């Protein structure tokens, strides 16, 4: 497979289009995917990784993101994300 030269955040619109056209996913599902991916791209940006290419994403990046999700507290109510919600992300 050819390696992409586009950073991960630049792939999201194409992915969401694929979900709509090829997969026929409902609008609500697409909005949820967009929401989850927005959190991920925000996390990438907070670590100066917004230029990360897909083939550069490592298991360590995924682990760090999982840790971030498990420790995340909603600023409005101070609650952490449930494990099932973390899995959606």
N, C-alpha and C. Protein backbone atom coordinates (compact mmCIF):
# COMPACT_ATOMS: atom_id res chain seq x y z
N UNK A 1 0.85 -1.18 0.00
CA UNK A 1 0.00 0.00 0.00
C UNK A 1 0.89 1.24 0.00
N UNK A 2 0.51 2.21 -0.76
CA UNK A 2 1.26 3.46 -0.87
C UNK A 2 1.07 4.30 0.39
N UNK A 3 2.16 4.87 0.88
CA UNK A 3 2.09 5.70 2.08
C UNK A 3 1.58 7.09 1.71
N UNK A 4 0.68 7.58 2.53
CA UNK A 4 0.09 8.89 2.30
C UNK A 4 1.07 10.00 2.70
N UNK A 5 0.99 11.09 1.99
CA UNK A 5 1.79 12.26 2.35
C UNK A 5 0.93 13.32 3.04
N UNK A 6 -0.35 12.98 3.27
CA UNK A 6 -1.27 13.89 3.97
C UNK A 6 -1.29 13.54 5.45
N UNK A 7 -1.23 14.56 6.33
CA UNK A 7 -1.34 14.28 7.75
C UNK A 7 -2.73 13.71 8.11
N UNK A 8 -2.78 13.03 9.22
CA UNK A 8 -4.01 12.36 9.65
C UNK A 8 -5.24 13.28 9.62
N UNK A 9 -5.18 14.50 10.18
CA UNK A 9 -6.39 15.34 10.17
C UNK A 9 -6.93 15.63 8.77
N UNK A 10 -6.07 15.65 7.76
CA UNK A 10 -6.51 15.93 6.39
C UNK A 10 -7.28 14.75 5.78
N UNK A 11 -7.21 13.58 6.39
CA UNK A 11 -7.92 12.39 5.90
C UNK A 11 -9.37 12.33 6.41
N UNK A 12 -9.67 13.09 7.42
CA UNK A 12 -10.98 12.97 8.06
C UNK A 12 -12.14 13.32 7.12
N UNK A 13 -12.09 14.42 6.36
CA UNK A 13 -13.21 14.69 5.45
C UNK A 13 -13.43 13.56 4.44
N UNK A 14 -12.35 12.99 3.91
CA UNK A 14 -12.48 11.87 2.98
C UNK A 14 -13.12 10.66 3.66
N UNK A 15 -12.72 10.41 4.90
CA UNK A 15 -13.29 9.29 5.64
C UNK A 15 -14.78 9.49 5.87
N UNK A 16 -15.17 10.71 6.25
CA UNK A 16 -16.58 10.98 6.50
C UNK A 16 -17.40 10.89 5.20
N UNK A 17 -16.81 11.32 4.09
CA UNK A 17 -17.47 11.15 2.79
C UNK A 17 -17.65 9.67 2.47
N UNK A 18 -16.63 8.87 2.73
CA UNK A 18 -16.70 7.43 2.52
C UNK A 18 -17.83 6.83 3.36
N UNK A 19 -17.93 7.26 4.61
CA UNK A 19 -18.99 6.75 5.49
C UNK A 19 -20.38 7.07 4.94
N UNK A 20 -20.50 8.24 4.35
CA UNK A 20 -21.79 8.64 3.79
C UNK A 20 -22.10 7.89 2.50
N UNK A 21 -21.17 7.92 1.56
CA UNK A 21 -21.43 7.40 0.21
C UNK A 21 -21.31 5.88 0.14
N UNK A 22 -20.20 5.35 0.62
CA UNK A 22 -19.95 3.91 0.47
C UNK A 22 -20.67 3.09 1.53
N UNK A 23 -20.63 3.56 2.76
CA UNK A 23 -21.20 2.80 3.87
C UNK A 23 -22.67 3.12 4.10
N UNK A 24 -23.12 4.28 3.63
CA UNK A 24 -24.52 4.67 3.82
C UNK A 24 -24.89 4.89 5.28
N UNK A 25 -23.94 5.35 6.07
CA UNK A 25 -24.21 5.56 7.49
C UNK A 25 -25.14 6.76 7.69
N UNK A 26 -25.92 6.67 8.71
CA UNK A 26 -26.87 7.74 9.03
C UNK A 26 -26.12 9.02 9.40
N UNK A 27 -26.79 10.13 9.19
CA UNK A 27 -26.21 11.44 9.48
C UNK A 27 -25.75 11.54 10.93
N UNK A 28 -26.56 11.03 11.85
CA UNK A 28 -26.19 11.08 13.26
C UNK A 28 -24.90 10.30 13.53
N UNK A 29 -24.76 9.15 12.91
CA UNK A 29 -23.54 8.35 13.08
C UNK A 29 -22.34 9.10 12.55
N UNK A 30 -22.49 9.73 11.41
CA UNK A 30 -21.40 10.51 10.83
C UNK A 30 -21.02 11.68 11.75
N UNK A 31 -22.02 12.33 12.33
CA UNK A 31 -21.74 13.43 13.26
C UNK A 31 -20.99 12.92 14.49
N UNK A 32 -21.38 11.75 14.97
CA UNK A 32 -20.68 11.17 16.11
C UNK A 32 -19.23 10.87 15.75
N UNK A 33 -19.00 10.28 14.58
CA UNK A 33 -17.63 9.99 14.13
C UNK A 33 -16.83 11.29 14.05
N UNK A 34 -17.44 12.32 13.51
CA UNK A 34 -16.76 13.60 13.38
C UNK A 34 -16.39 14.14 14.77
N UNK A 35 -17.29 14.01 15.72
CA UNK A 35 -17.04 14.45 17.09
C UNK A 35 -15.87 13.68 17.70
N UNK A 36 -15.88 12.36 17.57
CA UNK A 36 -14.81 11.54 18.14
C UNK A 36 -13.46 11.87 17.49
N UNK A 37 -13.47 12.04 16.19
CA UNK A 37 -12.23 12.33 15.48
C UNK A 37 -11.73 13.74 15.78
N UNK A 38 -12.65 14.66 16.04
CA UNK A 38 -12.25 16.01 16.42
C UNK A 38 -11.48 15.99 17.74
N UNK A 39 -11.93 15.18 18.68
CA UNK A 39 -11.22 15.05 19.96
C UNK A 39 -9.82 14.49 19.71
N UNK A 40 -9.71 13.50 18.83
CA UNK A 40 -8.41 12.91 18.52
C UNK A 40 -7.48 13.93 17.87
N UNK A 41 -7.99 14.70 16.92
CA UNK A 41 -7.14 15.69 16.26
C UNK A 41 -6.76 16.81 17.24
N UNK A 42 -7.64 17.11 18.18
CA UNK A 42 -7.30 18.08 19.22
C UNK A 42 -6.17 17.56 20.10
N UNK A 43 -6.24 16.27 20.42
CA UNK A 43 -5.17 15.64 21.20
C UNK A 43 -3.86 15.67 20.41
N UNK A 44 -3.93 15.36 19.11
CA UNK A 44 -2.72 15.42 18.28
C UNK A 44 -2.12 16.83 18.32
N UNK A 45 -2.97 17.84 18.16
CA UNK A 45 -2.50 19.22 18.15
C UNK A 45 -1.88 19.61 19.49
N UNK A 46 -2.47 19.14 20.58
CA UNK A 46 -1.95 19.48 21.91
C UNK A 46 -0.56 18.90 22.15
N UNK A 47 -0.19 17.92 21.37
CA UNK A 47 1.13 17.30 21.47
C UNK A 47 2.03 17.61 20.28
N UNK A 48 1.61 18.62 19.52
CA UNK A 48 2.36 19.04 18.32
C UNK A 48 2.55 17.89 17.34
N UNK A 49 1.51 17.07 17.19
CA UNK A 49 1.54 15.93 16.27
C UNK A 49 0.55 16.08 15.12
N UNK A 50 0.05 17.30 14.90
CA UNK A 50 -0.97 17.48 13.87
C UNK A 50 -0.44 17.18 12.47
N UNK A 51 0.87 17.14 12.29
CA UNK A 51 1.46 16.81 11.00
C UNK A 51 1.79 15.34 10.85
N UNK A 52 1.38 14.52 11.83
CA UNK A 52 1.67 13.09 11.81
C UNK A 52 1.00 12.42 10.62
N UNK A 53 1.77 11.64 9.88
CA UNK A 53 1.24 10.89 8.74
C UNK A 53 0.68 9.57 9.25
N UNK A 54 -0.30 9.00 8.56
CA UNK A 54 -0.91 7.76 9.03
C UNK A 54 0.09 6.65 9.33
N UNK A 55 1.08 6.47 8.47
CA UNK A 55 2.03 5.38 8.69
C UNK A 55 3.00 5.66 9.84
N UNK A 56 2.99 6.89 10.36
CA UNK A 56 3.85 7.25 11.49
C UNK A 56 3.16 7.02 12.83
N UNK A 57 1.87 6.76 12.81
CA UNK A 57 1.11 6.51 14.03
C UNK A 57 1.58 5.18 14.63
N UNK A 58 1.98 5.21 15.88
CA UNK A 58 2.55 4.02 16.52
C UNK A 58 1.62 3.50 17.62
N UNK A 59 1.86 2.29 18.08
CA UNK A 59 1.12 1.80 19.24
C UNK A 59 1.30 2.70 20.48
N UNK A 60 2.46 3.34 20.58
CA UNK A 60 2.70 4.24 21.71
C UNK A 60 1.78 5.47 21.63
N UNK A 61 1.56 5.99 20.40
CA UNK A 61 0.62 7.10 20.24
C UNK A 61 -0.78 6.67 20.70
N UNK A 62 -1.19 5.50 20.27
CA UNK A 62 -2.53 5.00 20.62
C UNK A 62 -2.63 4.82 22.13
N UNK A 63 -1.59 4.26 22.74
CA UNK A 63 -1.60 4.07 24.19
C UNK A 63 -1.69 5.42 24.91
N UNK A 64 -0.91 6.40 24.46
CA UNK A 64 -0.94 7.73 25.08
C UNK A 64 -2.33 8.36 24.95
N UNK A 65 -2.97 8.15 23.80
CA UNK A 65 -4.32 8.69 23.61
C UNK A 65 -5.31 7.97 24.52
N UNK A 66 -5.17 6.67 24.66
CA UNK A 66 -6.05 5.91 25.57
C UNK A 66 -5.88 6.40 27.01
N UNK A 67 -4.64 6.66 27.42
CA UNK A 67 -4.39 7.20 28.76
C UNK A 67 -5.06 8.57 28.92
N UNK A 68 -4.92 9.39 27.89
CA UNK A 68 -5.55 10.71 27.91
C UNK A 68 -7.06 10.57 28.11
N UNK A 69 -7.69 9.68 27.36
CA UNK A 69 -9.14 9.49 27.48
C UNK A 69 -9.52 8.98 28.87
N UNK A 70 -8.73 8.07 29.42
CA UNK A 70 -9.08 7.50 30.73
C UNK A 70 -8.93 8.52 31.84
N UNK A 71 -8.09 9.53 31.63
CA UNK A 71 -7.85 10.55 32.66
C UNK A 71 -8.61 11.85 32.40
N UNK A 72 -9.26 11.93 31.25
CA UNK A 72 -9.97 13.16 30.87
C UNK A 72 -11.13 13.41 31.82
N UNK A 73 -11.25 14.66 32.26
CA UNK A 73 -12.38 15.06 33.09
C UNK A 73 -13.14 16.16 32.36
N UNK A 74 -14.44 15.97 32.26
CA UNK A 74 -15.30 16.96 31.63
C UNK A 74 -15.20 18.25 32.44
N UNK A 75 -14.81 19.36 31.78
CA UNK A 75 -14.66 20.62 32.53
C UNK A 75 -15.98 21.14 33.12
N UNK A 76 -17.10 20.71 32.56
CA UNK A 76 -18.40 21.19 33.04
C UNK A 76 -18.82 20.52 34.35
N UNK A 77 -18.53 19.20 34.47
CA UNK A 77 -19.01 18.49 35.65
C UNK A 77 -17.93 17.69 36.38
N UNK A 78 -16.71 17.68 35.84
CA UNK A 78 -15.60 16.99 36.50
C UNK A 78 -15.63 15.47 36.38
N UNK A 79 -16.60 14.95 35.63
CA UNK A 79 -16.70 13.49 35.49
C UNK A 79 -15.72 12.98 34.45
N UNK A 80 -15.26 11.75 34.67
CA UNK A 80 -14.40 11.09 33.69
C UNK A 80 -15.27 10.36 32.68
N UNK A 81 -14.66 9.97 31.58
CA UNK A 81 -15.39 9.23 30.54
C UNK A 81 -15.57 7.78 30.97
N UNK A 82 -16.76 7.25 30.75
CA UNK A 82 -17.00 5.84 31.01
C UNK A 82 -16.15 5.02 30.04
N UNK A 83 -15.83 3.80 30.44
CA UNK A 83 -15.01 2.92 29.60
C UNK A 83 -15.67 2.71 28.24
N UNK A 84 -16.98 2.56 28.20
CA UNK A 84 -17.68 2.36 26.91
C UNK A 84 -17.54 3.59 26.02
N UNK A 85 -17.59 4.77 26.62
CA UNK A 85 -17.42 6.01 25.84
C UNK A 85 -15.99 6.12 25.33
N UNK A 86 -15.04 5.76 26.17
CA UNK A 86 -13.64 5.76 25.73
C UNK A 86 -13.45 4.87 24.51
N UNK A 87 -14.12 3.74 24.51
CA UNK A 87 -14.00 2.81 23.38
C UNK A 87 -14.55 3.41 22.09
N UNK A 88 -15.60 4.24 22.19
CA UNK A 88 -16.09 4.92 20.99
C UNK A 88 -15.00 5.82 20.42
N UNK A 89 -14.35 6.56 21.30
CA UNK A 89 -13.28 7.43 20.85
C UNK A 89 -12.16 6.62 20.24
